[in-house]
Amino acid sequence: MSDQDDIPFYEKPEWADVVPVPQDDGPNPLVPIAYTKEYSTTMDYFRAICRTQEQSERALELTKIVIELSPSHYTVWHYRQTLLKALNKDLSSELDWIQYMIEEHPKSYQIWHHRQVIVDHISAALLPIDTPTSLTLSHLTTAPAGIPYNALSEQQKEIAREAVKVELAFIAAALAEDSKNYHAWSYRQWVLSHFGPGPWWAEELEYIDELLAIDIRNNSAWNQRFYAFTQGPLGLSRENVEKEIQYTKVKIERTPGNESPWVYLGGVLRKANHPMSEIKEFCESLLPMPRANFSPYLHSTLLEIYEEEAKAHRTVESVTKAKETAVMLAEKVDTIRAKYWNWRKSQLNNISVEA
């Protein structure tokens, strides 16, 4: 490390021509923020280059300094993206720095979004049209809409598969540290969809299965499975839906008091326009199990099934069965929400019973 590295950037001769612009808090600030001297001075210089819209290597370096002091400063991130484009910078090295920043600040939305912007532009080289293939921002005015995977050549598909592999592995590493990192999951969904209907969709279901094997109550993984299953190219055919129903039944049998697979199962049925009655026999088979009989998720699912049947059949028996389930929930299984279940019971009175 040289002696120059210990000197603040604003004391170096290459910044001597810049006149700092102090923050204007007005004549009588009510509660001025106690910035550190380093941050306050750095921002004074950043405001100065913003005022002149300077596009230079030193401006780019300054955005890095500001971001490392305040990773969530979205204005600086945007300015950095403008500079990367104007200076025709290599975006692969930018990804290396983003990786470091995410490892240091995994919950910063702005960092994850910046990675999305960079990968978005890099992927423009994969489009099957006459576009430059250098990994820079200079040739783009807007981000590409997405990759038409099926229209790519075999060579382009291989590049796409490798790009997705790298990104998903990077995200998986972040999720290994924190399986509930919303920004990582959100970015993962973008990667899957942005690169089109490739083989990664099926692989994503395998990845989620691995996560659920580790923690069956990982609600974030269940949410991702719903996204991958319902939004991917596999489709909601009768065969695929039935396979997914069986998969979820096994998970429910293991942990009937786990809300996530119940919500997932209902979501899949509704998304595929299947009646809830398809799982009636399964649900009723769980009632003799002591650890399942007091699961509010089992009984609330049964209530939904019985209510669906009551509206369809309009018989005294079907309405009575639904009411009994609502009473069970209110008085024994989910007493903390007794008022809600009693209200649900009262709504059953609106069903006209046929003689």
Protein backbone atom coordinates (compact mmCIF):
# COMPACT_ATOMS: atom_id res chain seq x y z
CA MET A 1 0.00 0.00 0.00
CA SER A 2 1.42 3.39 -1.01
CA ASP A 3 1.34 6.57 1.07
CA GLN A 4 -1.18 7.94 -1.44
CA ASP A 5 -3.71 5.32 -0.33
CA ASP A 6 -3.80 6.84 3.15
CA ILE A 7 -4.67 10.28 1.81
CA PRO A 8 -8.39 11.15 1.46
CA PHE A 9 -9.29 11.54 -2.20
CA TYR A 10 -10.30 15.19 -1.72
CA GLU A 11 -6.80 16.06 -0.54
CA LYS A 12 -5.18 14.69 -3.70
CA PRO A 13 -4.09 17.16 -6.41
CA GLU A 14 -6.38 15.66 -9.08
CA TRP A 15 -9.38 16.94 -7.11
CA ALA A 16 -8.03 20.44 -6.54
CA ASP A 17 -10.16 21.92 -9.35
CA VAL A 18 -13.46 20.77 -7.81
CA VAL A 19 -15.38 23.19 -5.60
CA PRO A 20 -17.37 21.17 -3.05
CA VAL A 21 -21.11 21.83 -2.82
CA PRO A 22 -22.31 21.67 0.80
CA GLN A 23 -25.68 20.16 1.66
CA ASP A 24 -28.36 22.84 1.84
CA ASP A 25 -30.49 22.22 4.91
CA GLY A 26 -31.99 25.70 4.87
CA PRO A 27 -31.30 28.55 7.29
CA ASN A 28 -32.68 26.82 10.39
CA PRO A 29 -32.56 23.01 10.12
CA LEU A 30 -34.78 21.46 12.77
CA VAL A 31 -32.90 18.18 13.22
CA PRO A 32 -29.64 18.22 11.24
CA ILE A 33 -28.19 14.78 10.62
CA ALA A 34 -24.88 14.15 12.36
CA TYR A 35 -22.89 12.94 9.35
CA THR A 36 -19.29 11.93 9.84
CA LYS A 37 -16.75 14.38 8.43
CA GLU A 38 -15.66 11.78 5.89
CA TYR A 39 -19.18 11.20 4.58
CA SER A 40 -20.16 14.87 4.62
CA THR A 41 -17.05 15.94 2.70
CA THR A 42 -17.39 13.05 0.23
CA MET A 43 -20.99 14.00 -0.52
CA ASP A 44 -19.98 17.65 -1.00
CA TYR A 45 -17.68 16.53 -3.79
CA PHE A 46 -20.29 14.18 -5.22
CA ARG A 47 -22.82 17.02 -5.42
CA ALA A 48 -20.20 19.07 -7.24
CA ILE A 49 -19.65 16.50 -10.00
CA CYS A 50 -23.41 15.92 -10.26
CA ARG A 51 -23.96 19.63 -10.77
CA THR A 52 -21.62 19.61 -13.78
CA GLN A 53 -22.65 16.10 -14.88
CA GLU A 54 -19.00 15.15 -15.04
CA GLN A 55 -18.27 11.88 -16.82
CA SER A 56 -14.76 10.76 -15.93
CA GLU A 57 -12.77 8.00 -14.27
CA ARG A 58 -12.47 10.03 -11.09
CA ALA A 59 -16.24 10.52 -11.01
CA LEU A 60 -16.72 6.77 -11.35
CA GLU A 61 -14.25 6.15 -8.54
CA LEU A 62 -16.08 8.70 -6.40
CA THR A 63 -19.37 6.82 -6.82
CA LYS A 64 -17.60 3.74 -5.52
CA ILE A 65 -16.35 5.65 -2.48
CA VAL A 66 -19.82 7.02 -1.72
CA ILE A 67 -21.52 3.65 -2.20
CA GLU A 68 -19.08 1.89 0.12
CA LEU A 69 -19.93 4.54 2.72
CA SER A 70 -23.69 4.36 2.05
CA PRO A 71 -24.69 1.25 0.03
CA SER A 72 -28.37 2.24 -0.19
CA HIS A 73 -27.81 5.63 -1.82
CA TYR A 74 -29.90 5.00 -4.95
CA THR A 75 -29.01 8.36 -6.56
CA VAL A 76 -25.33 7.41 -6.56
CA TRP A 77 -26.10 3.96 -8.00
CA HIS A 78 -27.98 5.57 -10.88
CA TYR A 79 -25.15 8.01 -11.54
CA ARG A 80 -22.69 5.11 -11.53
CA GLN A 81 -24.75 3.29 -14.17
CA THR A 82 -24.70 6.44 -16.31
CA LEU A 83 -20.92 6.62 -15.99
CA LEU A 84 -20.41 2.94 -16.81
CA LYS A 85 -22.25 3.54 -20.05
CA ALA A 86 -20.54 6.84 -20.89
CA LEU A 87 -17.06 5.47 -20.19
CA ASN A 88 -17.71 2.18 -21.99
CA LYS A 89 -16.52 0.18 -18.97
CA ASP A 90 -16.05 -3.56 -18.81
CA LEU A 91 -19.09 -4.92 -16.99
CA SER A 92 -17.56 -8.25 -15.99
CA SER A 93 -15.26 -6.44 -13.53
CA GLU A 94 -18.29 -4.54 -12.27
CA LEU A 95 -19.90 -7.88 -11.38
CA ASP A 96 -16.85 -8.79 -9.30
CA TRP A 97 -17.23 -5.61 -7.27
CA ILE A 98 -20.98 -6.16 -6.89
CA GLN A 99 -20.27 -9.62 -5.49
CA TYR A 100 -18.02 -8.08 -2.86
CA MET A 101 -20.66 -5.47 -2.00
CA ILE A 102 -23.45 -8.05 -1.66
CA GLU A 103 -21.28 -10.18 0.59
CA GLU A 104 -20.79 -7.11 2.79
CA HIS A 105 -24.38 -5.83 2.54
CA PRO A 106 -26.66 -8.74 1.55
CA LYS A 107 -29.87 -6.89 2.48
CA SER A 108 -29.29 -3.80 0.36
CA TYR A 109 -31.92 -3.65 -2.37
CA GLN A 110 -29.91 -1.13 -4.38
CA ILE A 111 -26.95 -3.49 -4.75
CA TRP A 112 -29.11 -6.36 -5.95
CA HIS A 113 -30.90 -4.07 -8.39
CA HIS A 114 -27.58 -2.82 -9.73
CA ARG A 115 -26.53 -6.41 -10.41
CA GLN A 116 -29.80 -6.93 -12.26
CA VAL A 117 -29.15 -3.84 -14.39
CA ILE A 118 -25.63 -5.02 -15.26
CA VAL A 119 -26.65 -8.61 -16.06
CA ASP A 120 -29.59 -7.24 -18.05
CA HIS A 121 -27.25 -5.28 -20.30
CA ILE A 122 -24.66 -8.05 -20.57
CA SER A 123 -27.37 -10.41 -21.74
CA ALA A 124 -28.09 -8.11 -24.68
CA ALA A 125 -25.18 -9.84 -26.38
CA LEU A 126 -27.28 -13.01 -26.46
CA LEU A 127 -30.12 -11.54 -28.49
CA PRO A 128 -30.41 -13.15 -31.95
CA ILE A 129 -30.30 -9.79 -33.70
CA ASP A 130 -27.52 -7.55 -34.97
CA THR A 131 -26.25 -6.05 -31.70
CA PRO A 132 -22.71 -5.47 -30.42
CA THR A 133 -21.38 -8.28 -28.25
CA SER A 134 -18.96 -6.37 -26.00
CA LEU A 135 -19.82 -6.45 -22.34
CA THR A 136 -20.33 -2.70 -21.98
CA LEU A 137 -23.23 -0.33 -21.57
CA SER A 138 -22.18 2.11 -24.28
CA HIS A 139 -24.27 0.63 -27.09
CA LEU A 140 -27.52 0.51 -25.13
CA THR A 141 -30.06 3.20 -24.40
CA THR A 142 -32.52 0.91 -22.63
CA ALA A 143 -32.29 -2.52 -21.11
CA PRO A 144 -33.37 -5.45 -23.29
CA ALA A 145 -36.83 -6.85 -22.59
CA GLY A 146 -35.67 -10.43 -22.18
CA ILE A 147 -33.96 -13.32 -23.90
CA PRO A 148 -36.00 -15.34 -26.44
CA TYR A 149 -34.21 -18.55 -25.50
CA ASN A 150 -35.91 -20.78 -28.04
CA ALA A 151 -34.84 -18.46 -30.87
CA LEU A 152 -31.14 -18.58 -29.94
CA SER A 153 -28.51 -20.57 -31.78
CA GLU A 154 -27.00 -23.56 -29.98
CA GLN A 155 -23.90 -21.52 -29.21
CA GLN A 156 -26.00 -18.69 -27.76
CA LYS A 157 -28.03 -21.16 -25.71
CA GLU A 158 -24.82 -22.51 -24.21
CA ILE A 159 -23.77 -18.96 -23.28
CA ALA A 160 -27.20 -18.35 -21.76
CA ARG A 161 -27.05 -21.56 -19.74
CA GLU A 162 -23.63 -20.64 -18.39
CA ALA A 163 -24.79 -17.11 -17.49
CA VAL A 164 -27.81 -18.47 -15.64
CA LYS A 165 -25.68 -21.09 -13.91
CA VAL A 166 -23.30 -18.43 -12.62
CA GLU A 167 -26.08 -16.17 -11.37
CA LEU A 168 -28.10 -18.91 -9.70
CA ALA A 169 -24.98 -20.23 -7.95
CA PHE A 170 -24.19 -16.72 -6.75
CA ILE A 171 -27.71 -16.29 -5.40
CA ALA A 172 -27.67 -19.73 -3.80
CA ALA A 173 -24.54 -18.74 -1.87
CA ALA A 174 -26.34 -15.68 -0.53
CA LEU A 175 -29.38 -17.76 0.42
CA ALA A 176 -27.13 -20.26 2.21
CA GLU A 177 -26.24 -17.39 4.54
CA ASP A 178 -29.83 -16.19 4.90
CA SER A 179 -32.60 -18.32 3.42
CA LYS A 180 -35.14 -15.50 3.90
CA ASN A 181 -33.24 -12.82 1.97
CA TYR A 182 -36.12 -11.28 0.02
CA HIS A 183 -33.87 -9.36 -2.38
CA ALA A 184 -31.96 -12.52 -3.29
CA TRP A 185 -35.20 -14.39 -3.98
CA SER A 186 -36.59 -11.51 -6.00
CA TYR A 187 -33.45 -11.34 -8.13
CA ARG A 188 -33.51 -15.12 -8.56
CA GLN A 189 -37.01 -14.92 -10.03
CA TRP A 190 -35.86 -12.21 -12.41
CA VAL A 191 -32.93 -14.34 -13.62
CA LEU A 192 -35.19 -17.33 -14.26
CA SER A 193 -37.71 -15.34 -16.28
CA HIS A 194 -35.30 -12.96 -18.03
CA PHE A 195 -33.31 -15.70 -19.77
CA GLY A 196 -36.43 -17.37 -21.10
CA PRO A 197 -37.81 -20.93 -21.06
CA GLY A 198 -34.55 -22.77 -20.59
CA PRO A 199 -33.70 -25.94 -18.63
CA TRP A 200 -33.08 -23.95 -15.46
CA TRP A 201 -36.81 -23.96 -14.65
CA ALA A 202 -36.86 -27.72 -14.06
CA GLU A 203 -33.55 -27.48 -12.21
CA GLU A 204 -35.07 -24.83 -9.97
CA LEU A 205 -37.68 -27.30 -8.71
CA GLU A 206 -34.83 -29.69 -7.84
CA TYR A 207 -33.02 -26.90 -6.00
CA ILE A 208 -36.14 -26.05 -4.00
CA ASP A 209 -36.59 -29.72 -3.14
CA GLU A 210 -33.09 -29.70 -1.67
CA LEU A 211 -33.91 -26.63 0.44
CA LEU A 212 -37.13 -28.20 1.71
CA ALA A 213 -35.24 -31.38 2.60
CA ILE A 214 -33.11 -29.22 4.86
CA ASP A 215 -35.97 -27.14 6.26
CA ILE A 216 -39.49 -28.19 5.34
CA ARG A 217 -40.83 -25.01 6.98
CA ASN A 218 -38.83 -22.70 4.73
CA ASN A 219 -41.74 -20.56 3.55
CA SER A 220 -39.49 -18.63 1.17
CA ALA A 221 -38.61 -21.87 -0.60
CA TRP A 222 -42.28 -22.80 -0.86
CA ASN A 223 -43.01 -19.40 -2.35
CA GLN A 224 -40.21 -19.88 -4.88
CA ARG A 225 -41.52 -23.33 -5.76
CA PHE A 226 -44.93 -21.83 -6.52
CA TYR A 227 -43.28 -19.24 -8.76
CA ALA A 228 -41.17 -21.82 -10.60
CA PHE A 229 -44.06 -24.26 -11.03
CA THR A 230 -46.74 -21.79 -12.11
CA GLN A 231 -44.63 -19.34 -14.12
CA GLY A 232 -42.20 -21.74 -15.78
CA PRO A 233 -42.49 -23.42 -19.19
CA LEU A 234 -43.46 -26.83 -17.83
CA GLY A 235 -47.11 -25.84 -17.88
CA LEU A 236 -50.11 -26.70 -15.71
CA SER A 237 -51.12 -29.89 -17.45
CA ARG A 238 -53.20 -32.44 -15.57
CA GLU A 239 -50.14 -34.68 -15.27
CA ASN A 240 -47.87 -31.93 -13.93
CA VAL A 241 -50.47 -30.67 -11.45
CA GLU A 242 -51.20 -34.18 -10.18
CA LYS A 243 -47.49 -34.81 -9.70
CA GLU A 244 -47.16 -31.59 -7.72
CA ILE A 245 -50.22 -32.43 -5.61
CA GLN A 246 -48.69 -35.78 -4.68
CA TYR A 247 -45.38 -34.10 -3.88
CA THR A 248 -47.09 -31.67 -1.51
CA LYS A 249 -49.22 -34.35 0.14
CA VAL A 250 -46.06 -36.14 1.25
CA LYS A 251 -44.75 -32.91 2.80
CA ILE A 252 -48.06 -32.31 4.59
CA GLU A 253 -48.12 -35.83 6.01
CA ARG A 254 -44.70 -35.16 7.54
CA THR A 255 -45.69 -31.84 9.10
CA PRO A 256 -49.47 -31.33 9.05
CA GLY A 257 -49.12 -28.30 11.30
CA ASN A 258 -46.88 -26.53 8.79
CA GLU A 259 -48.84 -23.78 7.06
CA SER A 260 -46.62 -23.43 3.97
CA PRO A 261 -47.43 -26.66 2.11
CA TRP A 262 -51.15 -26.17 2.81
CA VAL A 263 -51.05 -22.69 1.27
CA TYR A 264 -48.97 -24.03 -1.60
CA LEU A 265 -51.36 -26.90 -2.30
CA GLY A 266 -54.39 -24.62 -2.36
CA GLY A 267 -52.53 -22.16 -4.57
CA VAL A 268 -51.60 -24.81 -7.12
CA LEU A 269 -55.17 -26.09 -7.31
CA ARG A 270 -56.59 -22.61 -7.81
CA LYS A 271 -53.95 -21.63 -10.36
CA ALA A 272 -54.72 -24.78 -12.37
CA ASN A 273 -58.49 -24.20 -11.97
CA HIS A 274 -58.94 -27.47 -10.14
CA PRO A 275 -61.63 -27.81 -7.44
CA MET A 276 -60.48 -28.06 -3.85
CA SER A 277 -62.60 -31.19 -3.58
CA GLU A 278 -59.78 -33.05 -5.35
CA ILE A 279 -57.96 -33.27 -2.02
CA LYS A 280 -61.04 -33.98 0.15
CA GLU A 281 -60.26 -37.65 0.62
CA PHE A 282 -56.66 -36.88 1.47
CA CYS A 283 -57.63 -34.26 4.06
CA GLU A 284 -60.21 -36.49 5.73
CA SER A 285 -57.66 -39.31 5.90
CA LEU A 286 -55.50 -37.10 8.13
CA LEU A 287 -58.19 -36.53 10.77
CA PRO A 288 -57.40 -39.71 12.77
CA MET A 289 -53.77 -38.58 13.14
CA PRO A 290 -53.36 -36.87 16.56
CA ARG A 291 -50.79 -34.35 15.31
CA ALA A 292 -52.96 -33.54 12.30
CA ASN A 293 -56.37 -33.39 13.96
CA PHE A 294 -55.51 -30.13 15.68
CA SER A 295 -53.93 -28.49 12.66
CA PRO A 296 -55.90 -25.31 11.86
CA TYR A 297 -54.64 -25.58 8.28
CA LEU A 298 -56.21 -29.02 7.84
CA HIS A 299 -59.56 -27.91 9.21
CA SER A 300 -59.60 -24.59 7.37
CA THR A 301 -58.90 -26.47 4.13
CA LEU A 302 -61.75 -28.85 4.91
CA LEU A 303 -64.02 -25.88 5.62
CA GLU A 304 -63.18 -24.47 2.21
CA ILE A 305 -63.92 -27.84 0.58
CA TYR A 306 -67.20 -28.31 2.46
CA GLU A 307 -68.28 -24.77 1.72
CA GLU A 308 -67.52 -25.33 -1.96
CA GLU A 309 -69.65 -28.49 -1.89
CA ALA A 310 -72.45 -26.77 0.04
CA LYS A 311 -72.70 -24.06 -2.60
CA ALA A 312 -72.73 -26.67 -5.35
CA HIS A 313 -75.13 -29.23 -3.83
CA ARG A 314 -77.28 -26.94 -1.61
CA THR A 315 -78.23 -29.81 0.68
CA VAL A 316 -78.84 -29.70 4.43
CA GLU A 317 -76.11 -32.28 4.95
CA SER A 318 -73.43 -30.35 3.04
CA VAL A 319 -74.20 -27.06 4.80
CA THR A 320 -74.29 -28.76 8.20
CA LYS A 321 -70.89 -30.36 7.59
CA ALA A 322 -69.38 -26.99 6.74
CA LYS A 323 -70.90 -25.41 9.85
CA GLU A 324 -69.57 -28.19 12.08
CA THR A 325 -66.08 -27.61 10.73
CA ALA A 326 -66.35 -23.88 11.41
CA VAL A 327 -67.44 -24.64 14.98
CA MET A 328 -64.51 -27.03 15.38
CA LEU A 329 -62.13 -24.28 14.36
CA ALA A 330 -63.74 -21.65 16.61
CA GLU A 331 -64.07 -23.76 19.73
CA LYS A 332 -61.19 -26.23 19.67
CA VAL A 333 -58.59 -25.88 16.92
CA ASP A 334 -58.06 -22.15 16.34
CA THR A 335 -59.76 -20.40 19.25
CA ILE A 336 -57.63 -17.27 18.93
CA ARG A 337 -59.55 -16.52 15.73
CA ALA A 338 -62.91 -17.71 17.03
CA LYS A 339 -64.71 -14.55 15.92
CA TYR A 340 -63.51 -15.05 12.36
CA TRP A 341 -64.60 -18.68 12.21
CA ASN A 342 -67.97 -17.84 13.74
CA TRP A 343 -68.37 -15.21 11.06
CA ARG A 344 -67.52 -17.80 8.43
CA LYS A 345 -70.19 -20.04 9.95
CA SER A 346 -72.75 -17.23 9.78
CA GLN A 347 -72.02 -16.74 6.08
CA LEU A 348 -73.08 -20.33 5.43
CA ASN A 349 -76.62 -19.30 6.33
CA ASN A 350 -76.71 -17.39 3.06
CA ILE A 351 -76.63 -20.65 1.08
CA SER A 352 -80.13 -21.51 -0.11
CA VAL A 353 -80.80 -25.15 0.74
CA GLU A 354 -82.90 -27.06 -1.74
CA ALA A 355 -85.70 -29.17 -0.36
